[in-house]
């Protein structure tokens, strides 16, 4: 296995914004992983919380979802 440590420049346009968010040169599998797991966490966290905690407002569930999405995405993106 040959690893190329040179980071490619970001593409232009919308794809360039994606490159800056997830890292230029990410493969399809990496992009899928960085998208799928945070979405699952963003859905699962407030669903789990709704069964465990009583009395949360809608904004608390939204913040819970956003935090779960963001933290999971950061862990996945920075782990490889």
PDB file of N, CA and C in Angstrom:
ATOM      1  N   UNK A   1       0.839  -1.170   0.000  1.00  0.00           N
ATOM      2  CA  UNK A   1       0.000   0.000   0.000  1.00  0.00           C
ATOM      3  C   UNK A   1       0.886   1.234   0.000  1.00  0.00           C
ATOM      4  N   UNK A   2       0.605   2.134  -0.897  1.00  0.00           N
ATOM      5  CA  UNK A   2       1.376   3.361  -1.030  1.00  0.00           C
ATOM      6  C   UNK A   2       0.501   4.535  -0.601  1.00  0.00           C
ATOM      7  N   UNK A   3       0.953   5.294   0.397  1.00  0.00           N
ATOM      8  CA  UNK A   3       0.189   6.419   0.902  1.00  0.00           C
ATOM      9  C   UNK A   3       0.792   7.709   0.375  1.00  0.00           C
ATOM     10  N   UNK A   4      -0.066   8.543  -0.218  1.00  0.00           N
ATOM     11  CA  UNK A   4       0.344   9.852  -0.703  1.00  0.00           C
ATOM     12  C   UNK A   4      -0.037  10.878   0.367  1.00  0.00           C
ATOM     13  N   UNK A   5       0.960  11.463   1.026  1.00  0.00           N
ATOM     14  CA  UNK A   5       0.706  12.390   2.121  1.00  0.00           C
ATOM     15  C   UNK A   5       0.475  13.818   1.660  1.00  0.00           C
ATOM     16  N   UNK A   6       0.537  14.060   0.359  1.00  0.00           N
ATOM     17  CA  UNK A   6       0.317  15.406  -0.153  1.00  0.00           C
ATOM     18  C   UNK A   6      -1.187  15.671  -0.242  1.00  0.00           C
ATOM     19  N   UNK A   7      -1.650  16.730   0.411  1.00  0.00           N
ATOM     20  CA  UNK A   7      -3.070  17.069   0.429  1.00  0.00           C
ATOM     21  C   UNK A   7      -3.418  17.808  -0.858  1.00  0.00           C
ATOM     22  N   UNK A   8      -4.430  17.330  -1.592  1.00  0.00           N
ATOM     23  CA  UNK A   8      -4.819  18.012  -2.823  1.00  0.00           C
ATOM     24  C   UNK A   8      -5.519  19.331  -2.499  1.00  0.00           C
ATOM     25  N   UNK A   9      -5.456  20.297  -3.411  1.00  0.00           N
ATOM     26  CA  UNK A   9      -6.152  21.562  -3.161  1.00  0.00           C
ATOM     27  C   UNK A   9      -7.668  21.354  -3.236  1.00  0.00           C
ATOM     28  N   UNK A  10      -8.438  22.148  -2.496  1.00  0.00           N
ATOM     29  CA  UNK A  10      -9.889  22.023  -2.572  1.00  0.00           C
ATOM     30  C   UNK A  10     -10.404  22.389  -3.965  1.00  0.00           C
ATOM     31  N   UNK A  11     -11.492  21.753  -4.352  1.00  0.00           N
ATOM     32  CA  UNK A  11     -12.120  22.062  -5.643  1.00  0.00           C
ATOM     33  C   UNK A  11     -12.817  23.407  -5.554  1.00  0.00           C
ATOM     34  N   UNK A  12     -13.311  23.890  -6.666  1.00  0.00           N
ATOM     35  CA  UNK A  12     -13.997  25.189  -6.673  1.00  0.00           C
ATOM     36  C   UNK A  12     -15.505  24.971  -6.517  1.00  0.00           C
ATOM     37  N   UNK A  13     -16.191  26.025  -6.106  1.00  0.00           N
ATOM     38  CA  UNK A  13     -17.638  25.988  -5.992  1.00  0.00           C
ATOM     39  C   UNK A  13     -18.120  25.266  -4.754  1.00  0.00           C
ATOM     40  N   UNK A  14     -19.303  24.654  -4.879  1.00  0.00           N
ATOM     41  CA  UNK A  14     -19.924  23.960  -3.756  1.00  0.00           C
ATOM     42  C   UNK A  14     -19.071  22.780  -3.314  1.00  0.00           C
ATOM     43  N   UNK A  15     -18.478  22.070  -4.266  1.00  0.00           N
ATOM     44  CA  UNK A  15     -17.622  20.936  -3.912  1.00  0.00           C
ATOM     45  C   UNK A  15     -16.405  21.392  -3.117  1.00  0.00           C
ATOM     46  N   UNK A  16     -15.945  22.601  -3.360  1.00  0.00           N
ATOM     47  CA  UNK A  16     -14.846  23.160  -2.577  1.00  0.00           C
ATOM     48  C   UNK A  16     -15.237  23.401  -1.137  1.00  0.00           C
ATOM     49  N   UNK A  17     -16.492  23.823  -0.923  1.00  0.00           N
ATOM     50  CA  UNK A  17     -16.976  24.000   0.451  1.00  0.00           C
ATOM     51  C   UNK A  17     -17.057  22.648   1.160  1.00  0.00           C
ATOM     52  N   UNK A  18     -17.476  21.613   0.435  1.00  0.00           N
ATOM     53  CA  UNK A  18     -17.507  20.267   1.013  1.00  0.00           C
ATOM     54  C   UNK A  18     -16.092  19.813   1.352  1.00  0.00           C
ATOM     55  N   UNK A  19     -15.148  20.075   0.441  1.00  0.00           N
ATOM     56  CA  UNK A  19     -13.749  19.718   0.698  1.00  0.00           C
ATOM     57  C   UNK A  19     -13.212  20.401   1.949  1.00  0.00           C
ATOM     58  N   UNK A  20     -13.563  21.657   2.139  1.00  0.00           N
ATOM     59  CA  UNK A  20     -13.081  22.389   3.310  1.00  0.00           C
ATOM     60  C   UNK A  20     -13.713  21.871   4.598  1.00  0.00           C
ATOM     61  N   UNK A  21     -14.918  21.327   4.497  1.00  0.00           N
ATOM     62  CA  UNK A  21     -15.609  20.812   5.666  1.00  0.00           C
ATOM     63  C   UNK A  21     -15.098  19.433   6.064  1.00  0.00           C
ATOM     64  N   UNK A  22     -14.943  18.526   5.103  1.00  0.00           N
ATOM     65  CA  UNK A  22     -14.568  17.142   5.415  1.00  0.00           C
ATOM     66  C   UNK A  22     -13.123  16.818   5.073  1.00  0.00           C
ATOM     67  N   UNK A  23     -12.465  17.691   4.373  1.00  0.00           N
ATOM     68  CA  UNK A  23     -11.069  17.454   3.995  1.00  0.00           C
ATOM     69  C   UNK A  23     -10.954  17.122   2.524  1.00  0.00           C
ATOM     70  N   UNK A  24     -10.088  17.823   1.816  1.00  0.00           N
ATOM     71  CA  UNK A  24      -9.923  17.547   0.388  1.00  0.00           C
ATOM     72  C   UNK A  24      -9.346  16.153   0.163  1.00  0.00           C
ATOM     73  N   UNK A  25      -9.814  15.510  -0.879  1.00  0.00           N
ATOM     74  CA  UNK A  25      -9.307  14.188  -1.220  1.00  0.00           C
ATOM     75  C   UNK A  25     -10.021  13.051  -0.520  1.00  0.00           C
ATOM     76  N   UNK A  26     -11.120  13.337   0.172  1.00  0.00           N
ATOM     77  CA  UNK A  26     -11.863  12.276   0.863  1.00  0.00           C
ATOM     78  C   UNK A  26     -12.513  11.352  -0.166  1.00  0.00           C
ATOM     79  N   UNK A  27     -12.479  10.070   0.111  1.00  0.00           N
ATOM     80  CA  UNK A  27     -13.085   9.098  -0.797  1.00  0.00           C
ATOM     81  C   UNK A  27     -14.601   9.061  -0.576  1.00  0.00           C
ATOM     82  N   UNK A  28     -15.297   8.357  -1.470  1.00  0.00           N
ATOM     83  CA  UNK A  28     -16.752   8.229  -1.324  1.00  0.00           C
ATOM     84  C   UNK A  28     -17.118   7.523  -0.020  1.00  0.00           C
ATOM     85  N   UNK A  29     -16.352   6.518   0.337  1.00  0.00           N
ATOM     86  CA  UNK A  29     -16.611   5.799   1.585  1.00  0.00           C
ATOM     87  C   UNK A  29     -16.435   6.722   2.789  1.00  0.00           C
ATOM     88  N   UNK A  30     -15.405   7.556   2.771  1.00  0.00           N
ATOM     89  CA  UNK A  30     -15.182   8.493   3.872  1.00  0.00           C
ATOM     90  C   UNK A  30     -16.310   9.521   3.946  1.00  0.00           C
ATOM     91  N   UNK A  31     -16.738  10.027   2.804  1.00  0.00           N
ATOM     92  CA  UNK A  31     -17.844  10.986   2.783  1.00  0.00           C
ATOM     93  C   UNK A  31     -19.132  10.352   3.292  1.00  0.00           C
ATOM     94  N   UNK A  32     -19.379   9.100   2.900  1.00  0.00           N
ATOM     95  CA  UNK A  32     -20.582   8.402   3.363  1.00  0.00           C
ATOM     96  C   UNK A  32     -20.541   8.208   4.874  1.00  0.00           C
ATOM     97  N   UNK A  33     -19.386   7.816   5.386  1.00  0.00           N
ATOM     98  CA  UNK A  33     -19.233   7.611   6.823  1.00  0.00           C
ATOM     99  C   UNK A  33     -19.403   8.921   7.582  1.00  0.00           C
ATOM    100  N   UNK A  34     -18.849  10.001   7.045  1.00  0.00           N
ATOM    101  CA  UNK A  34     -18.929  11.301   7.700  1.00  0.00           C
ATOM    102  C   UNK A  34     -20.323  11.900   7.613  1.00  0.00           C
ATOM    103  N   UNK A  35     -21.166  11.369   6.758  1.00  0.00           N
ATOM    104  CA  UNK A  35     -22.531  11.858   6.633  1.00  0.00           C
ATOM    105  C   UNK A  35     -23.515  10.957   7.370  1.00  0.00           C
ATOM    106  N   UNK A  36     -23.393   9.647   7.180  1.00  0.00           N
ATOM    107  CA  UNK A  36     -24.369   8.706   7.707  1.00  0.00           C
ATOM    108  C   UNK A  36     -24.379   8.657   9.235  1.00  0.00           C
ATOM    109  N   UNK A  37     -23.234   8.484   9.852  1.00  0.00           N
ATOM    110  CA  UNK A  37     -23.187   8.349  11.311  1.00  0.00           C
ATOM    111  C   UNK A  37     -23.655   9.606  12.051  1.00  0.00           C
ATOM    112  N   UNK A  38     -23.257  10.814  11.637  1.00  0.00           N
ATOM    113  CA  UNK A  38     -23.792  11.999  12.322  1.00  0.00           C
ATOM    114  C   UNK A  38     -25.308  12.142  12.166  1.00  0.00           C
ATOM    115  N   UNK A  39     -25.845  11.782  11.003  1.00  0.00           N
ATOM    116  CA  UNK A  39     -27.299  11.860  10.815  1.00  0.00           C
ATOM    117  C   UNK A  39     -27.992  10.875  11.749  1.00  0.00           C
ATOM    118  N   UNK A  40     -27.463   9.666  11.846  1.00  0.00           N
ATOM    119  CA  UNK A  40     -28.038   8.671  12.761  1.00  0.00           C
ATOM    120  C   UNK A  40     -27.981   9.178  14.200  1.00  0.00           C
ATOM    121  N   UNK A  41     -26.853   9.742  14.597  1.00  0.00           N
ATOM    122  CA  UNK A  41     -26.716  10.264  15.960  1.00  0.00           C
ATOM    123  C   UNK A  41     -27.656  11.442  16.194  1.00  0.00           C
ATOM    124  N   UNK A  42     -27.810  12.295  15.183  1.00  0.00           N
ATOM    125  CA  UNK A  42     -28.704  13.447  15.308  1.00  0.00           C
ATOM    126  C   UNK A  42     -30.159  13.054  15.444  1.00  0.00           C
ATOM    127  N   UNK A  43     -30.526  11.883  14.941  1.00  0.00           N
ATOM    128  CA  UNK A  43     -31.890  11.375  15.091  1.00  0.00           C
ATOM    129  C   UNK A  43     -32.027  10.567  16.381  1.00  0.00           C
ATOM    130  N   UNK A  44     -31.030   9.745  16.673  1.00  0.00           N
ATOM    131  CA  UNK A  44     -31.116   8.831  17.818  1.00  0.00           C
ATOM    132  C   UNK A  44     -31.047   9.559  19.163  1.00  0.00           C
ATOM    133  N   UNK A  45     -30.225  10.584  19.278  1.00  0.00           N
ATOM    134  CA  UNK A  45     -30.046  11.262  20.569  1.00  0.00           C
ATOM    135  C   UNK A  45     -31.344  11.864  21.105  1.00  0.00           C
ATOM    136  N   UNK A  46     -32.069  12.659  20.315  1.00  0.00           N
ATOM    137  CA  UNK A  46     -33.320  13.193  20.874  1.00  0.00           C
ATOM    138  C   UNK A  46     -34.397  12.119  21.071  1.00  0.00           C
ATOM    139  N   UNK A  47     -34.399  11.078  20.230  1.00  0.00           N
ATOM    140  CA  UNK A  47     -35.364   9.994  20.443  1.00  0.00           C
ATOM    141  C   UNK A  47     -35.094   9.281  21.762  1.00  0.00           C
ATOM    142  N   UNK A  48     -33.836   8.984  22.025  1.00  0.00           N
ATOM    143  CA  UNK A  48     -33.465   8.349  23.290  1.00  0.00           C
ATOM    144  C   UNK A  48     -33.800   9.271  24.463  1.00  0.00           C
ATOM    145  N   UNK A  49     -33.472  10.530  24.319  1.00  0.00           N
ATOM    146  CA  UNK A  49     -33.706  11.492  25.384  1.00  0.00           C
ATOM    147  C   UNK A  49     -35.196  11.627  25.686  1.00  0.00           C
ATOM    148  N   UNK A  50     -36.028  11.554  24.659  1.00  0.00           N
ATOM    149  CA  UNK A  50     -37.473  11.693  24.884  1.00  0.00           C
ATOM    150  C   UNK A  50     -38.031  10.553  25.737  1.00  0.00           C
ATOM    151  N   UNK A  51     -37.359   9.401  25.737  1.00  0.00           N
ATOM    152  CA  UNK A  51     -37.804   8.281  26.557  1.00  0.00           C
ATOM    153  C   UNK A  51     -37.212   8.312  27.968  1.00  0.00           C
ATOM    154  N   UNK A  52     -36.117   9.033  28.146  1.00  0.00           N
ATOM    155  CA  UNK A  52     -35.416   9.038  29.434  1.00  0.00           C
ATOM    156  C   UNK A  52     -35.731  10.282  30.257  1.00  0.00           C
ATOM    157  N   UNK A  53     -35.839  11.422  29.601  1.00  0.00           N
ATOM    158  CA  UNK A  53     -36.017  12.700  30.297  1.00  0.00           C
ATOM    159  C   UNK A  53     -37.421  13.228  30.019  1.00  0.00           C
ATOM    160  N   UNK A  54     -38.051  13.769  31.032  1.00  0.00           N
ATOM    161  CA  UNK A  54     -39.374  14.359  30.854  1.00  0.00           C
ATOM    162  C   UNK A  54     -39.298  15.877  30.927  1.00  0.00           C
ATOM    163  N   UNK A  55     -40.149  16.523  30.173  1.00  0.00           N
ATOM    164  CA  UNK A  55     -40.297  17.967  30.300  1.00  0.00           C
ATOM    165  C   UNK A  55     -39.367  18.818  29.455  1.00  0.00           C
ATOM    166  N   UNK A  56     -38.702  18.248  28.470  1.00  0.00           N
ATOM    167  CA  UNK A  56     -37.846  19.066  27.612  1.00  0.00           C
ATOM    168  C   UNK A  56     -38.700  19.835  26.614  1.00  0.00           C
ATOM    169  N   UNK A  57     -38.250  21.039  26.267  1.00  0.00           N
ATOM    170  CA  UNK A  57     -38.926  21.828  25.250  1.00  0.00           C
ATOM    171  C   UNK A  57     -38.392  21.435  23.870  1.00  0.00           C
ATOM    172  N   UNK A  58     -39.055  21.914  22.855  1.00  0.00           N
ATOM    173  CA  UNK A  58     -38.639  21.623  21.484  1.00  0.00           C
ATOM    174  C   UNK A  58     -37.219  22.125  21.222  1.00  0.00           C
ATOM    175  N   UNK A  59     -36.885  23.291  21.735  1.00  0.00           N
ATOM    176  CA  UNK A  59     -35.547  23.840  21.501  1.00  0.00           C
ATOM    177  C   UNK A  59     -34.474  22.960  22.138  1.00  0.00           C
ATOM    178  N   UNK A  60     -34.768  22.347  23.271  1.00  0.00           N
ATOM    179  CA  UNK A  60     -33.794  21.460  23.896  1.00  0.00           C
ATOM    180  C   UNK A  60     -33.560  20.208  23.038  1.00  0.00           C
ATOM    181  N   UNK A  61     -34.622  19.687  22.438  1.00  0.00           N
ATOM    182  CA  UNK A  61     -34.459  18.543  21.542  1.00  0.00           C
ATOM    183  C   UNK A  61     -33.677  18.926  20.289  1.00  0.00           C
ATOM    184  N   UNK A  62     -33.914  20.116  19.768  1.00  0.00           N
ATOM    185  CA  UNK A  62     -33.178  20.586  18.586  1.00  0.00           C
ATOM    186  C   UNK A  62     -31.700  20.747  18.910  1.00  0.00           C
ATOM    187  N   UNK A  63     -31.398  21.352  20.058  1.00  0.00           N
ATOM    188  CA  UNK A  63     -29.997  21.526  20.470  1.00  0.00           C
ATOM    189  C   UNK A  63     -29.342  20.167  20.695  1.00  0.00           C
ATOM    190  N   UNK A  64     -30.060  19.244  21.304  1.00  0.00           N
ATOM    191  CA  UNK A  64     -29.544  17.884  21.514  1.00  0.00           C
ATOM    192  C   UNK A  64     -29.204  17.229  20.179  1.00  0.00           C
ATOM    193  N   UNK A  65     -30.085  17.369  19.208  1.00  0.00           N
ATOM    194  CA  UNK A  65     -29.861  16.790  17.884  1.00  0.00           C
ATOM    195  C   UNK A  65     -28.654  17.423  17.198  1.00  0.00           C
ATOM    196  N   UNK A  66     -28.569  18.746  17.249  1.00  0.00           N
ATOM    197  CA  UNK A  66     -27.444  19.438  16.611  1.00  0.00           C
ATOM    198  C   UNK A  66     -26.112  19.082  17.262  1.00  0.00           C
ATOM    199  N   UNK A  67     -26.098  19.006  18.577  1.00  0.00           N
ATOM    200  CA  UNK A  67     -24.861  18.635  19.272  1.00  0.00           C
ATOM    201  C   UNK A  67     -24.444  17.203  18.948  1.00  0.00           C
ATOM    202  N   UNK A  68     -25.405  16.293  18.929  1.00  0.00           N
ATOM    203  CA  UNK A  68     -25.089  14.895  18.596  1.00  0.00           C
ATOM    204  C   UNK A  68     -24.546  14.803  17.177  1.00  0.00           C
ATOM    205  N   UNK A  69     -25.157  15.520  16.246  1.00  0.00           N
ATOM    206  CA  UNK A  69     -24.697  15.537  14.859  1.00  0.00           C
ATOM    207  C   UNK A  69     -23.283  16.104  14.767  1.00  0.00           C
ATOM    208  N   UNK A  70     -23.064  17.251  15.404  1.00  0.00           N
ATOM    209  CA  UNK A  70     -21.771  17.929  15.316  1.00  0.00           C
ATOM    210  C   UNK A  70     -20.655  17.143  15.989  1.00  0.00           C
ATOM    211  N   UNK A  71     -20.902  16.637  17.172  1.00  0.00           N
ATOM    212  CA  UNK A  71     -19.856  15.905  17.893  1.00  0.00           C
ATOM    213  C   UNK A  71     -19.508  14.612  17.178  1.00  0.00           C
ATOM    214  N   UNK A  72     -20.526  13.873  16.728  1.00  0.00           N
ATOM    215  CA  UNK A  72     -20.264  12.628  16.002  1.00  0.00           C
ATOM    216  C   UNK A  72     -19.522  12.904  14.697  1.00  0.00           C
ATOM    217  N   UNK A  73     -19.922  13.929  13.976  1.00  0.00           N
ATOM    218  CA  UNK A  73     -19.224  14.285  12.744  1.00  0.00           C
ATOM    219  C   UNK A  73     -17.778  14.668  12.989  1.00  0.00           C
ATOM    220  N   UNK A  74     -17.536  15.405  14.067  1.00  0.00           N
ATOM    221  CA  UNK A  74     -16.164  15.780  14.396  1.00  0.00           C
ATOM    222  C   UNK A  74     -15.306  14.600  14.772  1.00  0.00           C
ATOM    223  N   UNK A  75     -15.875  13.676  15.542  1.00  0.00           N
ATOM    224  CA  UNK A  75     -15.119  12.481  15.932  1.00  0.00           C
ATOM    225  C   UNK A  75     -14.769  11.664  14.696  1.00  0.00           C
ATOM    226  N   UNK A  76     -15.729  11.430  13.828  1.00  0.00           N
ATOM    227  CA  UNK A  76     -15.488  10.634  12.622  1.00  0.00           C
ATOM    228  C   UNK A  76     -14.486  11.333  11.705  1.00  0.00           C
ATOM    229  N   UNK A  77     -14.650  12.623  11.490  1.00  0.00           N
ATOM    230  CA  UNK A  77     -13.762  13.358  10.577  1.00  0.00           C
ATOM    231  C   UNK A  77     -12.332  13.399  11.088  1.00  0.00           C
ATOM    232  N   UNK A  78     -12.152  13.555  12.391  1.00  0.00           N
ATOM    233  CA  UNK A  78     -10.807  13.678  12.948  1.00  0.00           C
ATOM    234  C   UNK A  78     -10.160  12.353  13.321  1.00  0.00           C
ATOM    235  N   UNK A  79     -10.881  11.265  13.157  1.00  0.00           N
ATOM    236  CA  UNK A  79     -10.344   9.979  13.606  1.00  0.00           C
ATOM    237  C   UNK A  79      -9.461   9.271  12.586  1.00  0.00           C
ATOM    238  N   UNK A  80      -9.488   9.682  11.359  1.00  0.00           N
ATOM    239  CA  UNK A  80      -8.647   8.996  10.373  1.00  0.00           C
ATOM    240  C   UNK A  80      -7.570   9.866   9.823  1.00  0.00           C
TER     241      UNK A  80
END
